[in-house]
Structure formats: C-alpha cells, structure tokens
Amino acid sequence: MGDLGGDVSTPVGSSAPPRSIADMSDTNPTGETLGATGDADSSAEKDPSTWVTGDEPMTAPQRSYIDTLAREAGEEISADMTKAEASEQIDRLQEKTGRSND
C-alpha cells in the first residue's frame, strides 16, 4: 500500500496544524494522565466496595472465571453475587489456586 501522507494527529480533510502533547495540556486542566507514569506502585485497581456499578449482578465473564477457579479450589460458591463480591471472590480464589498476579 502506498503512503497515505499527512500527519496522524491531523484529522482527514482538516487544515489545522498537528497538535503536540504540550498543546493538549491546556485542554486537561486537572493534569491527570493515563498510561505509564514510571511509578510502578501506582495502580489503577480500585476497592470493589467503591465501584459505582459494584452492586449490579456479576458479569458473565466473572461468573465463568469464578466457576473455573472454584472447581480448581474444590469449592462450591453461590452464583448469586454482585460485581464487587465477584471481584473479591476472584482475588481470594486466585490466591488459593496459585493464579494470583502478585
């Protein structure tokens, strides 16, 4: 394929000059960033009890993973739990089965 030309930061058909990261900082008044910061201790993980949707029923992927982990751990767990409770069970079962990321 041939070179399509143009700068990837400039929308197609736009005559506006490409924006640098410095130019974008004025549109982010809080200064909050996403991605690598170089701080290995910084974690995006939040306490499940503070989740906005934590009281909703667990998701299908959570249900499937808990089923797999519970089988490996030799446990029977109620299938009636919230997203937050499911997350906590997953953490506990990962530790028990040795699947923890820690």
N, C-alpha and C. Protein backbone atom coordinates (compact mmCIF):
# COMPACT_ATOMS: atom_id res chain seq x y z
N MET A 1 0.84 -1.16 0.00
CA MET A 1 0.00 0.00 0.00
C MET A 1 0.89 1.23 0.00
N GLY A 2 0.43 2.27 -0.62
CA GLY A 2 1.20 3.50 -0.71
C GLY A 2 1.06 4.34 0.54
N ASP A 3 1.92 5.32 0.65
CA ASP A 3 1.86 6.25 1.77
C ASP A 3 0.63 7.13 1.63
N LEU A 4 -0.18 7.19 2.68
CA LEU A 4 -1.39 7.99 2.64
C LEU A 4 -1.09 9.45 2.91
N GLY A 5 0.10 9.73 3.41
CA GLY A 5 0.52 11.10 3.65
C GLY A 5 -0.19 11.71 4.83
N GLY A 6 0.22 12.90 5.19
CA GLY A 6 -0.42 13.61 6.28
C GLY A 6 0.08 13.17 7.63
N ASP A 7 -0.25 13.93 8.62
CA ASP A 7 0.12 13.65 10.00
C ASP A 7 -1.02 12.90 10.66
N VAL A 8 -0.73 11.84 11.39
CA VAL A 8 -1.79 11.05 12.02
C VAL A 8 -2.57 11.84 13.06
N SER A 9 -2.01 12.92 13.56
CA SER A 9 -2.72 13.69 14.57
C SER A 9 -3.61 14.77 13.95
N THR A 10 -3.60 14.87 12.64
CA THR A 10 -4.45 15.84 11.96
C THR A 10 -5.60 15.09 11.31
N PRO A 11 -6.84 15.43 11.65
CA PRO A 11 -7.98 14.74 11.04
C PRO A 11 -7.97 14.88 9.53
N VAL A 12 -8.44 13.84 8.85
CA VAL A 12 -8.52 13.86 7.40
C VAL A 12 -9.36 15.04 6.96
N GLY A 13 -8.88 15.77 6.00
CA GLY A 13 -9.62 16.91 5.47
C GLY A 13 -9.48 18.16 6.30
N SER A 14 -8.69 18.10 7.36
CA SER A 14 -8.53 19.26 8.24
C SER A 14 -7.33 20.06 7.79
N SER A 15 -7.43 21.37 7.86
CA SER A 15 -6.30 22.22 7.54
C SER A 15 -5.58 22.67 8.81
N ALA A 16 -6.07 22.19 9.96
CA ALA A 16 -5.46 22.57 11.23
C ALA A 16 -4.10 21.92 11.36
N PRO A 17 -3.14 22.63 11.94
CA PRO A 17 -1.82 22.03 12.14
C PRO A 17 -1.89 20.93 13.19
N PRO A 18 -0.99 19.96 13.13
CA PRO A 18 -0.99 18.88 14.12
C PRO A 18 -0.75 19.46 15.51
N ARG A 19 -1.39 18.84 16.52
CA ARG A 19 -1.24 19.29 17.90
C ARG A 19 -0.17 18.48 18.60
N SER A 20 0.65 19.14 19.37
CA SER A 20 1.65 18.44 20.17
C SER A 20 1.05 18.13 21.53
N ILE A 21 1.74 17.31 22.31
CA ILE A 21 1.27 16.99 23.65
C ILE A 21 1.23 18.27 24.49
N ALA A 22 2.17 19.16 24.29
CA ALA A 22 2.16 20.43 25.03
C ALA A 22 0.91 21.22 24.71
N ASP A 23 0.49 21.21 23.44
CA ASP A 23 -0.73 21.92 23.05
C ASP A 23 -1.96 21.32 23.72
N MET A 24 -1.95 20.01 23.95
CA MET A 24 -3.10 19.32 24.51
C MET A 24 -3.25 19.56 26.00
N SER A 25 -2.17 19.96 26.68
CA SER A 25 -2.23 20.12 28.13
C SER A 25 -3.21 21.21 28.55
N ASP A 26 -3.44 22.20 27.68
CA ASP A 26 -4.37 23.25 28.06
C ASP A 26 -5.82 22.78 28.01
N THR A 27 -6.07 21.63 27.42
CA THR A 27 -7.43 21.09 27.39
C THR A 27 -7.65 20.08 28.52
N ASN A 28 -6.64 19.91 29.38
CA ASN A 28 -6.70 18.99 30.51
C ASN A 28 -6.35 19.76 31.77
N PRO A 29 -7.31 20.55 32.28
CA PRO A 29 -6.99 21.42 33.42
C PRO A 29 -6.58 20.70 34.69
N THR A 30 -6.98 19.44 34.87
CA THR A 30 -6.62 18.72 36.09
C THR A 30 -5.20 18.19 36.04
N GLY A 31 -4.66 18.05 34.83
CA GLY A 31 -3.32 17.50 34.68
C GLY A 31 -3.28 15.99 34.83
N GLU A 32 -4.44 15.36 35.01
CA GLU A 32 -4.50 13.91 35.18
C GLU A 32 -4.15 13.23 33.86
N THR A 33 -3.33 12.18 33.91
CA THR A 33 -2.94 11.45 32.72
C THR A 33 -3.25 9.98 32.87
N LEU A 34 -3.26 9.29 31.76
CA LEU A 34 -3.48 7.85 31.73
C LEU A 34 -2.24 7.20 31.14
N GLY A 35 -1.98 5.97 31.51
CA GLY A 35 -0.86 5.25 30.93
C GLY A 35 0.35 5.24 31.84
N ALA A 36 1.48 4.88 31.26
CA ALA A 36 2.72 4.72 32.01
C ALA A 36 3.18 6.03 32.61
N THR A 37 3.47 6.00 33.89
CA THR A 37 3.97 7.19 34.58
C THR A 37 5.35 6.96 35.16
N GLY A 38 5.83 5.74 35.06
CA GLY A 38 7.12 5.41 35.65
C GLY A 38 7.01 5.04 37.12
N ASP A 39 5.84 5.17 37.71
CA ASP A 39 5.62 4.82 39.10
C ASP A 39 5.05 3.42 39.18
N ALA A 40 5.89 2.45 39.48
CA ALA A 40 5.47 1.05 39.48
C ALA A 40 4.44 0.77 40.57
N ASP A 41 4.41 1.59 41.64
CA ASP A 41 3.47 1.36 42.72
C ASP A 41 2.09 1.94 42.42
N SER A 42 1.99 2.78 41.42
CA SER A 42 0.70 3.37 41.07
C SER A 42 -0.17 2.29 40.45
N SER A 43 -1.37 2.12 40.97
CA SER A 43 -2.25 1.06 40.50
C SER A 43 -3.60 1.62 40.14
N ALA A 44 -4.15 1.14 39.03
CA ALA A 44 -5.48 1.55 38.61
C ALA A 44 -6.54 0.75 39.35
N GLU A 45 -6.11 -0.24 40.12
CA GLU A 45 -7.04 -1.10 40.82
C GLU A 45 -7.76 -0.33 41.92
N LYS A 46 -9.08 -0.45 41.93
CA LYS A 46 -9.87 0.25 42.93
C LYS A 46 -10.54 -0.76 43.84
N ASP A 47 -10.83 -0.33 45.05
CA ASP A 47 -11.52 -1.17 46.01
C ASP A 47 -12.92 -1.46 45.46
N PRO A 48 -13.28 -2.74 45.29
CA PRO A 48 -14.60 -3.08 44.74
C PRO A 48 -15.77 -2.45 45.51
N SER A 49 -15.60 -2.18 46.79
CA SER A 49 -16.70 -1.61 47.56
C SER A 49 -17.00 -0.16 47.15
N THR A 50 -16.08 0.46 46.41
CA THR A 50 -16.29 1.84 45.97
C THR A 50 -16.75 1.94 44.52
N TRP A 51 -16.93 0.81 43.85
CA TRP A 51 -17.34 0.83 42.45
C TRP A 51 -18.75 1.38 42.31
N VAL A 52 -18.97 2.19 41.31
CA VAL A 52 -20.30 2.74 41.04
C VAL A 52 -21.27 1.62 40.66
N THR A 53 -20.78 0.64 39.89
CA THR A 53 -21.64 -0.46 39.44
C THR A 53 -21.42 -1.73 40.26
N GLY A 54 -20.77 -1.60 41.40
CA GLY A 54 -20.44 -2.77 42.21
C GLY A 54 -21.62 -3.56 42.72
N ASP A 55 -22.78 -2.91 42.82
CA ASP A 55 -23.96 -3.62 43.33
C ASP A 55 -24.78 -4.28 42.22
N GLU A 56 -24.32 -4.16 40.97
CA GLU A 56 -25.01 -4.84 39.87
C GLU A 56 -24.62 -6.32 39.89
N PRO A 57 -25.44 -7.17 39.27
CA PRO A 57 -25.10 -8.60 39.22
C PRO A 57 -23.76 -8.82 38.52
N MET A 58 -23.04 -9.85 38.94
CA MET A 58 -21.75 -10.14 38.32
C MET A 58 -21.92 -10.35 36.82
N THR A 59 -20.84 -10.12 36.09
CA THR A 59 -20.87 -10.26 34.64
C THR A 59 -20.69 -11.73 34.26
N ALA A 60 -21.01 -12.05 33.02
CA ALA A 60 -20.84 -13.42 32.53
C ALA A 60 -19.37 -13.86 32.59
N PRO A 61 -18.41 -13.00 32.20
CA PRO A 61 -17.01 -13.42 32.33
C PRO A 61 -16.59 -13.67 33.78
N GLN A 62 -17.09 -12.84 34.71
CA GLN A 62 -16.79 -13.09 36.13
C GLN A 62 -17.34 -14.43 36.57
N ARG A 63 -18.58 -14.69 36.19
CA ARG A 63 -19.24 -15.95 36.56
C ARG A 63 -18.45 -17.15 36.05
N SER A 64 -18.04 -17.09 34.80
CA SER A 64 -17.28 -18.19 34.20
C SER A 64 -15.93 -18.39 34.91
N TYR A 65 -15.24 -17.29 35.19
CA TYR A 65 -13.94 -17.40 35.83
C TYR A 65 -14.06 -17.91 37.26
N ILE A 66 -15.06 -17.44 37.98
CA ILE A 66 -15.28 -17.93 39.34
C ILE A 66 -15.58 -19.42 39.32
N ASP A 67 -16.38 -19.85 38.35
CA ASP A 67 -16.69 -21.28 38.23
C ASP A 67 -15.40 -22.08 38.03
N THR A 68 -14.54 -21.61 37.14
CA THR A 68 -13.27 -22.30 36.89
C THR A 68 -12.40 -22.33 38.14
N LEU A 69 -12.24 -21.16 38.79
CA LEU A 69 -11.40 -21.09 39.98
C LEU A 69 -11.97 -21.92 41.13
N ALA A 70 -13.29 -21.88 41.32
CA ALA A 70 -13.91 -22.63 42.40
C ALA A 70 -13.72 -24.14 42.19
N ARG A 71 -13.84 -24.58 40.96
CA ARG A 71 -13.60 -26.01 40.67
C ARG A 71 -12.17 -26.39 41.01
N GLU A 72 -11.22 -25.53 40.59
CA GLU A 72 -9.82 -25.81 40.89
C GLU A 72 -9.55 -25.81 42.39
N ALA A 73 -10.25 -24.96 43.12
CA ALA A 73 -10.06 -24.85 44.57
C ALA A 73 -10.87 -25.89 45.33
N GLY A 74 -11.76 -26.63 44.63
CA GLY A 74 -12.60 -27.61 45.29
C GLY A 74 -13.68 -26.98 46.14
N GLU A 75 -14.17 -25.82 45.73
CA GLU A 75 -15.19 -25.10 46.49
C GLU A 75 -16.48 -24.99 45.70
N GLU A 76 -17.58 -24.88 46.44
CA GLU A 76 -18.87 -24.52 45.85
C GLU A 76 -19.22 -23.15 46.37
N ILE A 77 -19.53 -22.23 45.44
CA ILE A 77 -19.82 -20.84 45.81
C ILE A 77 -21.17 -20.46 45.22
N SER A 78 -21.94 -19.72 45.97
CA SER A 78 -23.23 -19.24 45.49
C SER A 78 -23.04 -18.42 44.22
N ALA A 79 -23.91 -18.63 43.25
CA ALA A 79 -23.83 -17.88 42.00
C ALA A 79 -24.54 -16.54 42.09
N ASP A 80 -25.13 -16.25 43.24
CA ASP A 80 -25.86 -15.00 43.42
C ASP A 80 -24.96 -13.99 44.12
N MET A 81 -24.23 -13.19 43.32
CA MET A 81 -23.37 -12.17 43.91
C MET A 81 -23.26 -10.97 42.98
N THR A 82 -22.81 -9.88 43.54
CA THR A 82 -22.65 -8.64 42.79
C THR A 82 -21.29 -8.62 42.10
N LYS A 83 -21.08 -7.62 41.25
CA LYS A 83 -19.79 -7.46 40.59
C LYS A 83 -18.67 -7.30 41.63
N ALA A 84 -18.92 -6.50 42.65
CA ALA A 84 -17.91 -6.26 43.67
C ALA A 84 -17.60 -7.54 44.44
N GLU A 85 -18.64 -8.27 44.82
CA GLU A 85 -18.43 -9.54 45.54
C GLU A 85 -17.69 -10.53 44.65
N ALA A 86 -18.03 -10.57 43.38
CA ALA A 86 -17.37 -11.48 42.44
C ALA A 86 -15.88 -11.14 42.34
N SER A 87 -15.58 -9.87 42.27
CA SER A 87 -14.18 -9.45 42.19
C SER A 87 -13.40 -9.90 43.42
N GLU A 88 -14.02 -9.75 44.58
CA GLU A 88 -13.36 -10.19 45.82
C GLU A 88 -13.18 -11.70 45.85
N GLN A 89 -14.18 -12.44 45.39
CA GLN A 89 -14.06 -13.91 45.32
C GLN A 89 -12.96 -14.31 44.35
N ILE A 90 -12.88 -13.63 43.21
CA ILE A 90 -11.83 -13.93 42.23
C ILE A 90 -10.46 -13.72 42.86
N ASP A 91 -10.28 -12.60 43.54
CA ASP A 91 -8.99 -12.35 44.20
C ASP A 91 -8.65 -13.45 45.20
N ARG A 92 -9.63 -13.82 46.02
CA ARG A 92 -9.41 -14.85 47.04
C ARG A 92 -9.08 -16.19 46.40
N LEU A 93 -9.86 -16.56 45.39
CA LEU A 93 -9.65 -17.85 44.74
C LEU A 93 -8.34 -17.90 43.94
N GLN A 94 -7.96 -16.77 43.36
CA GLN A 94 -6.67 -16.73 42.66
C GLN A 94 -5.53 -17.00 43.63
N GLU A 95 -5.61 -16.40 44.81
CA GLU A 95 -4.59 -16.66 45.84
C GLU A 95 -4.57 -18.13 46.21
N LYS A 96 -5.75 -18.70 46.43
CA LYS A 96 -5.86 -20.09 46.88
C LYS A 96 -5.36 -21.07 45.82
N THR A 97 -5.61 -20.77 44.54
CA THR A 97 -5.22 -21.70 43.47
C THR A 97 -3.84 -21.40 42.88
N GLY A 98 -3.20 -20.34 43.37
CA GLY A 98 -1.88 -20.00 42.85
C GLY A 98 -1.93 -19.25 41.53
N ARG A 99 -3.08 -18.72 41.18
CA ARG A 99 -3.20 -17.96 39.93
C ARG A 99 -3.06 -16.46 40.15
N SER A 100 -2.65 -16.07 41.31
CA SER A 100 -2.54 -14.65 41.64
C SER A 100 -1.45 -14.01 40.82
N ASN A 101 -1.65 -12.73 40.45
CA ASN A 101 -0.65 -11.98 39.71
C ASN A 101 0.42 -11.40 40.60
N ASP A 102 0.26 -11.53 41.89
CA ASP A 102 1.24 -10.95 42.83
C ASP A 102 2.47 -11.81 42.94
